[in-house]
Amino acid sequence: MNDGKKKEVEHFLDLVSGVQVPIIVVFGNHDYDADDVDGIKEMLLGNPSIKVLDGEYAEYELNGKKVGIGGAKGYGGGFAPHRIVSRGERATKSFVEEEDREVEKLKTALYQMENAAPDFKITLTHWAAFEETIEGEPKELYVILGSSRLGDAIEQVNPHLALSGHAHHGPRGIKKARGTVSACNIAYKVNEGKMSLFDFFSDGSVVLRHLESH
């Protein structure tokens, strides 16, 4: 999506009209630009293959294994110990309140995923949950690129893979966030406009197989 314009949503829907596999969507900052995210969601859900995750959990069966995905758009706030706190001006408090809402949405999705206990667990956010996926971006921008509180929630469920975007100049490939979580920045520019493909193995490992052009 880009800038939340309906003509762009229509273009996306046209591009994926023949896709026969599930399409999982979380919204990002550009989707909110036209202030009609509810309209965008309604358009997307006109395609039965599309599932929008806004604090929800989705599960699919693949080769006899259950694959669970919990997602929300997330928000900024920064990474501990360098974070915005809810003090001072109303604008600052509003920023942190949006982070609060998104963290709670993600926790709700992850709670559902934990209860479902799928064979493979994937988390999906637009904003970054881990610093390791945005390295290379200016440190001054970290506060608007993601939130370590998202990472705190994700770390608790120990997913097989944590996906995010938003940071266009982060590193490529799977990073061991906080030394334990396999996390990957799948932003369009980071991957040079190519699609990231992952292999999941029975021992719980995940490998970025290769990058395939759209």
C-alpha atoms as a PDB file:
ATOM      1  CA  MET A   1       0.000   0.000   0.000  1.00  0.00           C
ATOM      2  CA  ASN A   2       1.049   3.605  -0.330  1.00  0.00           C
ATOM      3  CA  ASP A   3      -0.636   6.728   1.052  1.00  0.00           C
ATOM      4  CA  GLY A   4      -3.977   4.994   1.619  1.00  0.00           C
ATOM      5  CA  LYS A   5      -5.542   5.972  -1.693  1.00  0.00           C
ATOM      6  CA  LYS A   6      -8.331   3.742  -2.971  1.00  0.00           C
ATOM      7  CA  LYS A   7      -6.881   3.610  -6.479  1.00  0.00           C
ATOM      8  CA  GLU A   8      -3.704   2.116  -5.008  1.00  0.00           C
ATOM      9  CA  VAL A   9      -5.714  -0.465  -3.091  1.00  0.00           C
ATOM     10  CA  GLU A  10      -7.537  -1.339  -6.300  1.00  0.00           C
ATOM     11  CA  HIS A  11      -4.180  -1.750  -8.047  1.00  0.00           C
ATOM     12  CA  PHE A  12      -2.948  -4.076  -5.290  1.00  0.00           C
ATOM     13  CA  LEU A  13      -6.126  -6.143  -5.457  1.00  0.00           C
ATOM     14  CA  ASP A  14      -5.722  -6.440  -9.198  1.00  0.00           C
ATOM     15  CA  LEU A  15      -2.123  -7.635  -8.793  1.00  0.00           C
ATOM     16  CA  VAL A  16      -3.105 -10.398  -6.349  1.00  0.00           C
ATOM     17  CA  SER A  17      -6.399 -11.366  -7.968  1.00  0.00           C
ATOM     18  CA  GLY A  18      -4.981 -14.673  -9.234  1.00  0.00           C
ATOM     19  CA  VAL A  19      -3.059 -15.602  -6.084  1.00  0.00           C
ATOM     20  CA  GLN A  20      -4.308 -18.902  -4.642  1.00  0.00           C
ATOM     21  CA  VAL A  21      -2.468 -18.859  -1.306  1.00  0.00           C
ATOM     22  CA  PRO A  22      -3.453 -16.908   1.833  1.00  0.00           C
ATOM     23  CA  ILE A  23      -2.363 -13.261   1.952  1.00  0.00           C
ATOM     24  CA  ILE A  24      -1.727 -11.829   5.416  1.00  0.00           C
ATOM     25  CA  VAL A  25      -1.787  -8.053   5.799  1.00  0.00           C
ATOM     26  CA  VAL A  26      -0.903  -5.625   8.576  1.00  0.00           C
ATOM     27  CA  PHE A  27      -1.320  -1.916   8.042  1.00  0.00           C
ATOM     28  CA  GLY A  28       1.567   0.535   8.017  1.00  0.00           C
ATOM     29  CA  ASN A  29       1.965   4.277   8.343  1.00  0.00           C
ATOM     30  CA  HIS A  30       1.248   5.049   4.668  1.00  0.00           C
ATOM     31  CA  ASP A  31      -2.091   3.255   4.850  1.00  0.00           C
ATOM     32  CA  TYR A  32      -3.265   5.839   7.380  1.00  0.00           C
ATOM     33  CA  ASP A  33      -2.240   8.870   5.313  1.00  0.00           C
ATOM     34  CA  ALA A  34      -5.654   9.334   3.649  1.00  0.00           C
ATOM     35  CA  ASP A  35      -7.439   8.793   6.995  1.00  0.00           C
ATOM     36  CA  ASP A  36      -9.646   6.000   5.627  1.00  0.00           C
ATOM     37  CA  VAL A  37      -8.100   2.798   6.937  1.00  0.00           C
ATOM     38  CA  ASP A  38     -11.544   1.295   7.585  1.00  0.00           C
ATOM     39  CA  GLY A  39     -12.393   1.794   3.912  1.00  0.00           C
ATOM     40  CA  ILE A  40      -9.127   0.147   2.897  1.00  0.00           C
ATOM     41  CA  LYS A  41      -9.822  -2.818   5.155  1.00  0.00           C
ATOM     42  CA  GLU A  42     -13.306  -3.256   3.677  1.00  0.00           C
ATOM     43  CA  MET A  43     -11.859  -3.237   0.156  1.00  0.00           C
ATOM     44  CA  LEU A  44      -9.157  -5.764   1.047  1.00  0.00           C
ATOM     45  CA  LEU A  45     -11.566  -8.164   2.701  1.00  0.00           C
ATOM     46  CA  GLY A  46     -13.529  -8.297  -0.544  1.00  0.00           C
ATOM     47  CA  ASN A  47     -10.865 -10.810  -1.558  1.00  0.00           C
ATOM     48  CA  PRO A  48     -11.494 -13.988   0.499  1.00  0.00           C
ATOM     49  CA  SER A  49      -7.800 -14.902   0.366  1.00  0.00           C
ATOM     50  CA  ILE A  50      -6.819 -11.771   2.320  1.00  0.00           C
ATOM     51  CA  LYS A  51      -6.696 -11.643   6.109  1.00  0.00           C
ATOM     52  CA  VAL A  52      -6.004  -8.330   7.851  1.00  0.00           C
ATOM     53  CA  LEU A  53      -4.330  -8.692  11.246  1.00  0.00           C
ATOM     54  CA  ASP A  54      -4.966  -5.798  13.608  1.00  0.00           C
ATOM     55  CA  GLY A  55      -4.436  -7.584  16.868  1.00  0.00           C
ATOM     56  CA  GLU A  56      -5.712 -10.916  15.523  1.00  0.00           C
ATOM     57  CA  TYR A  57      -4.354 -14.407  14.996  1.00  0.00           C
ATOM     58  CA  ALA A  58      -4.599 -16.491  11.823  1.00  0.00           C
ATOM     59  CA  GLU A  59      -3.791 -20.178  11.395  1.00  0.00           C
ATOM     60  CA  TYR A  60      -3.231 -22.318   8.320  1.00  0.00           C
ATOM     61  CA  GLU A  61      -2.299 -25.929   7.643  1.00  0.00           C
ATOM     62  CA  LEU A  62       0.671 -26.546   5.393  1.00  0.00           C
ATOM     63  CA  ASN A  63       2.105 -29.986   4.661  1.00  0.00           C
ATOM     64  CA  GLY A  64       0.402 -31.384   7.720  1.00  0.00           C
ATOM     65  CA  LYS A  65       1.743 -28.673  10.027  1.00  0.00           C
ATOM     66  CA  LYS A  66      -0.131 -25.783  11.588  1.00  0.00           C
ATOM     67  CA  VAL A  67       1.348 -22.356  10.892  1.00  0.00           C
ATOM     68  CA  GLY A  68       0.125 -19.566  13.167  1.00  0.00           C
ATOM     69  CA  ILE A  69       0.568 -15.849  12.565  1.00  0.00           C
ATOM     70  CA  GLY A  70      -0.133 -13.126  15.112  1.00  0.00           C
ATOM     71  CA  GLY A  71       0.066  -9.537  14.001  1.00  0.00           C
ATOM     72  CA  ALA A  72      -0.583  -5.826  14.451  1.00  0.00           C
ATOM     73  CA  LYS A  73       0.844  -2.721  12.852  1.00  0.00           C
ATOM     74  CA  GLY A  74       2.830  -1.711  15.935  1.00  0.00           C
ATOM     75  CA  TYR A  75       4.140   1.798  16.478  1.00  0.00           C
ATOM     76  CA  GLY A  76       7.167   3.801  17.494  1.00  0.00           C
ATOM     77  CA  GLY A  77       8.420   4.773  20.913  1.00  0.00           C
ATOM     78  CA  GLY A  78      12.059   3.822  20.739  1.00  0.00           C
ATOM     79  CA  PHE A  79      14.190   1.069  22.183  1.00  0.00           C
ATOM     80  CA  ALA A  80      15.074   0.695  25.845  1.00  0.00           C
ATOM     81  CA  PRO A  81      16.736   2.435  27.537  1.00  0.00           C
ATOM     82  CA  HIS A  82      16.238   5.284  25.040  1.00  0.00           C
ATOM     83  CA  ARG A  83      12.471   5.556  24.885  1.00  0.00           C
ATOM     84  CA  ILE A  84       9.768   8.209  24.843  1.00  0.00           C
ATOM     85  CA  VAL A  85       7.876   8.380  28.126  1.00  0.00           C
ATOM     86  CA  SER A  86       4.330   9.630  28.648  1.00  0.00           C
ATOM     87  CA  ARG A  87       5.104  12.956  30.265  1.00  0.00           C
ATOM     88  CA  GLY A  88       4.825  16.541  29.175  1.00  0.00           C
ATOM     89  CA  GLU A  89       2.877  17.851  26.213  1.00  0.00           C
ATOM     90  CA  ARG A  90      -0.371  16.346  24.975  1.00  0.00           C
ATOM     91  CA  ALA A  91       1.288  15.457  21.659  1.00  0.00           C
ATOM     92  CA  THR A  92       3.895  13.330  23.439  1.00  0.00           C
ATOM     93  CA  LYS A  93       1.243  11.599  25.518  1.00  0.00           C
ATOM     94  CA  SER A  94      -0.792  10.877  22.373  1.00  0.00           C
ATOM     95  CA  PHE A  95       2.270   9.293  20.763  1.00  0.00           C
ATOM     96  CA  VAL A  96       2.806   6.975  23.722  1.00  0.00           C
ATOM     97  CA  GLU A  97      -0.912   6.183  23.926  1.00  0.00           C
ATOM     98  CA  GLU A  98      -0.828   4.951  20.319  1.00  0.00           C
ATOM     99  CA  GLU A  99       2.154   2.766  21.207  1.00  0.00           C
ATOM    100  CA  ASP A 100       0.198   1.450  24.216  1.00  0.00           C
ATOM    101  CA  ARG A 101      -2.774   0.525  22.011  1.00  0.00           C
ATOM    102  CA  GLU A 102      -0.629  -1.288  19.478  1.00  0.00           C
ATOM    103  CA  VAL A 103       1.339  -3.200  22.105  1.00  0.00           C
ATOM    104  CA  GLU A 104      -1.926  -4.388  23.657  1.00  0.00           C
ATOM    105  CA  LYS A 105      -3.260  -5.422  20.243  1.00  0.00           C
ATOM    106  CA  LEU A 106      -0.128  -7.439  19.594  1.00  0.00           C
ATOM    107  CA  LYS A 107      -0.324  -9.066  23.018  1.00  0.00           C
ATOM    108  CA  THR A 108      -3.911 -10.094  22.289  1.00  0.00           C
ATOM    109  CA  ALA A 109      -2.850 -11.757  19.042  1.00  0.00           C
ATOM    110  CA  LEU A 110       0.104 -13.469  20.688  1.00  0.00           C
ATOM    111  CA  TYR A 111      -2.076 -14.742  23.527  1.00  0.00           C
ATOM    112  CA  GLN A 112      -4.325 -16.407  20.957  1.00  0.00           C
ATOM    113  CA  MET A 113      -1.301 -17.888  19.243  1.00  0.00           C
ATOM    114  CA  GLU A 114       0.063 -19.314  22.482  1.00  0.00           C
ATOM    115  CA  ASN A 115      -3.267 -20.951  23.284  1.00  0.00           C
ATOM    116  CA  ALA A 116      -3.546 -22.421  19.785  1.00  0.00           C
ATOM    117  CA  ALA A 117      -0.008 -23.841  20.035  1.00  0.00           C
ATOM    118  CA  PRO A 118       0.691 -24.145  16.280  1.00  0.00           C
ATOM    119  CA  ASP A 119       3.697 -26.078  15.035  1.00  0.00           C
ATOM    120  CA  PHE A 120       5.264 -22.879  13.704  1.00  0.00           C
ATOM    121  CA  LYS A 121       4.751 -19.425  15.192  1.00  0.00           C
ATOM    122  CA  ILE A 122       5.227 -16.235  13.192  1.00  0.00           C
ATOM    123  CA  THR A 123       4.755 -12.650  14.336  1.00  0.00           C
ATOM    124  CA  LEU A 124       4.107  -9.812  11.904  1.00  0.00           C
ATOM    125  CA  THR A 125       4.354  -6.077  12.574  1.00  0.00           C
ATOM    126  CA  HIS A 126       4.976  -3.083  10.360  1.00  0.00           C
ATOM    127  CA  TRP A 127       7.000  -1.123  12.903  1.00  0.00           C
ATOM    128  CA  ALA A 128      10.190  -2.806  14.077  1.00  0.00           C
ATOM    129  CA  ALA A 129      10.164  -4.796  17.290  1.00  0.00           C
ATOM    130  CA  PHE A 130      13.930  -5.280  17.538  1.00  0.00           C
ATOM    131  CA  GLU A 131      16.896  -2.960  17.063  1.00  0.00           C
ATOM    132  CA  GLU A 132      18.774  -5.656  15.182  1.00  0.00           C
ATOM    133  CA  THR A 133      16.377  -5.296  12.225  1.00  0.00           C
ATOM    134  CA  ILE A 134      16.904  -1.545  11.802  1.00  0.00           C
ATOM    135  CA  GLU A 135      20.675  -1.286  12.170  1.00  0.00           C
ATOM    136  CA  GLY A 136      22.021   1.031   9.496  1.00  0.00           C
ATOM    137  CA  GLU A 137      19.266   3.573  10.020  1.00  0.00           C
ATOM    138  CA  PRO A 138      20.245   6.817  11.806  1.00  0.00           C
ATOM    139  CA  LYS A 139      19.979   6.386  15.566  1.00  0.00           C
ATOM    140  CA  GLU A 140      17.997   9.635  15.658  1.00  0.00           C
ATOM    141  CA  LEU A 141      15.164   7.880  13.792  1.00  0.00           C
ATOM    142  CA  TYR A 142      14.900   4.826  16.014  1.00  0.00           C
ATOM    143  CA  VAL A 143      12.113   6.402  18.065  1.00  0.00           C
ATOM    144  CA  ILE A 144       9.849   6.495  14.991  1.00  0.00           C
ATOM    145  CA  LEU A 145      10.999   3.189  13.519  1.00  0.00           C
ATOM    146  CA  GLY A 146       9.845   0.848  16.231  1.00  0.00           C
ATOM    147  CA  SER A 147       9.357  -0.032  19.855  1.00  0.00           C
ATOM    148  CA  SER A 148      11.210  -2.406  22.143  1.00  0.00           C
ATOM    149  CA  ARG A 149       7.891  -3.001  23.922  1.00  0.00           C
ATOM    150  CA  LEU A 150       6.747  -4.872  20.814  1.00  0.00           C
ATOM    151  CA  GLY A 151       9.902  -6.941  21.118  1.00  0.00           C
ATOM    152  CA  ASP A 152       9.218  -7.604  24.795  1.00  0.00           C
ATOM    153  CA  ALA A 153       5.830  -9.098  23.901  1.00  0.00           C
ATOM    154  CA  ILE A 154       7.234 -11.133  21.025  1.00  0.00           C
ATOM    155  CA  GLU A 155      10.148 -12.470  23.040  1.00  0.00           C
ATOM    156  CA  GLN A 156       7.716 -13.916  25.583  1.00  0.00           C
ATOM    157  CA  VAL A 157       6.152 -16.267  23.000  1.00  0.00           C
ATOM    158  CA  ASN A 158       9.484 -17.228  21.401  1.00  0.00           C
ATOM    159  CA  PRO A 159       8.265 -17.365  17.784  1.00  0.00           C
ATOM    160  CA  HIS A 160      10.084 -19.205  15.047  1.00  0.00           C
ATOM    161  CA  LEU A 161      10.202 -15.993  13.024  1.00  0.00           C
ATOM    162  CA  ALA A 162       9.424 -12.317  13.716  1.00  0.00           C
ATOM    163  CA  LEU A 163       8.812 -10.214  10.607  1.00  0.00           C
ATOM    164  CA  SER A 164       8.675  -6.434  10.323  1.00  0.00           C
ATOM    165  CA  GLY A 165       9.217  -3.681   7.780  1.00  0.00           C
ATOM    166  CA  HIS A 166       9.114   0.132   7.954  1.00  0.00           C
ATOM    167  CA  ALA A 167      12.899   0.662   8.180  1.00  0.00           C
ATOM    168  CA  HIS A 168      13.966   1.005   4.562  1.00  0.00           C
ATOM    169  CA  HIS A 169      17.683   0.973   5.253  1.00  0.00           C
ATOM    170  CA  GLY A 170      17.958  -1.845   7.760  1.00  0.00           C
ATOM    171  CA  PRO A 171      19.997  -5.028   7.306  1.00  0.00           C
ATOM    172  CA  ARG A 172      19.060  -7.922   5.052  1.00  0.00           C
ATOM    173  CA  GLY A 173      18.631 -11.462   6.303  1.00  0.00           C
ATOM    174  CA  ILE A 174      17.594 -13.144   9.539  1.00  0.00           C
ATOM    175  CA  LYS A 175      19.087 -11.634  12.687  1.00  0.00           C
ATOM    176  CA  LYS A 176      19.173 -13.217  16.143  1.00  0.00           C
ATOM    177  CA  ALA A 177      17.399 -10.441  18.007  1.00  0.00           C
ATOM    178  CA  ARG A 178      18.350 -10.287  21.683  1.00  0.00           C
ATOM    179  CA  GLY A 179      20.350 -13.422  20.994  1.00  0.00           C
ATOM    180  CA  THR A 180      17.273 -15.665  20.784  1.00  0.00           C
ATOM    181  CA  VAL A 181      14.553 -14.455  18.370  1.00  0.00           C
ATOM    182  CA  SER A 182      14.929 -15.010  14.609  1.00  0.00           C
ATOM    183  CA  ALA A 183      13.870 -11.637  13.218  1.00  0.00           C
ATOM    184  CA  CYS A 184      13.891 -10.322   9.669  1.00  0.00           C
ATOM    185  CA  ASN A 185      13.249  -6.944   8.067  1.00  0.00           C
ATOM    186  CA  ILE A 186      11.180  -7.606   4.932  1.00  0.00           C
ATOM    187  CA  ALA A 187      10.843  -3.953   3.893  1.00  0.00           C
ATOM    188  CA  TYR A 188      10.603  -3.471   0.139  1.00  0.00           C
ATOM    189  CA  LYS A 189      13.693  -1.286  -0.199  1.00  0.00           C
ATOM    190  CA  VAL A 190      15.845  -3.396   2.119  1.00  0.00           C
ATOM    191  CA  ASN A 191      15.288  -6.393  -0.137  1.00  0.00           C
ATOM    192  CA  GLU A 192      15.639  -4.431  -3.382  1.00  0.00           C
ATOM    193  CA  GLY A 193      12.011  -4.971  -4.335  1.00  0.00           C
ATOM    194  CA  LYS A 194      12.272  -8.749  -4.053  1.00  0.00           C
ATOM    195  CA  MET A 195      10.186 -11.253  -2.122  1.00  0.00           C
ATOM    196  CA  SER A 196      11.720 -12.990   0.889  1.00  0.00           C
ATOM    197  CA  LEU A 197      11.166 -16.766   0.971  1.00  0.00           C
ATOM    198  CA  PHE A 198      11.671 -18.789   4.166  1.00  0.00           C
ATOM    199  CA  ASP A 199      12.106 -22.501   4.864  1.00  0.00           C
ATOM    200  CA  PHE A 200      10.847 -23.840   8.207  1.00  0.00           C
ATOM    201  CA  PHE A 201      12.402 -27.068   9.517  1.00  0.00           C
ATOM    202  CA  SER A 202      11.138 -29.630  12.021  1.00  0.00           C
ATOM    203  CA  ASP A 203      13.927 -28.774  14.462  1.00  0.00           C
ATOM    204  CA  GLY A 204      12.492 -25.253  14.722  1.00  0.00           C
ATOM    205  CA  SER A 205      15.108 -23.539  12.591  1.00  0.00           C
ATOM    206  CA  VAL A 206      14.225 -21.041   9.861  1.00  0.00           C
ATOM    207  CA  VAL A 207      16.340 -20.249   6.815  1.00  0.00           C
ATOM    208  CA  LEU A 208      16.014 -17.404   4.341  1.00  0.00           C
ATOM    209  CA  ARG A 209      16.282 -19.497   1.200  1.00  0.00           C
ATOM    210  CA  HIS A 210      16.652 -16.858  -1.456  1.00  0.00           C
ATOM    211  CA  LEU A 211      15.164 -13.671  -2.766  1.00  0.00           C
ATOM    212  CA  GLU A 212      12.810 -13.951  -5.698  1.00  0.00           C
ATOM    213  CA  SER A 213      11.713 -11.054  -7.896  1.00  0.00           C
ATOM    214  CA  HIS A 214       8.072  -9.996  -7.718  1.00  0.00           C
END
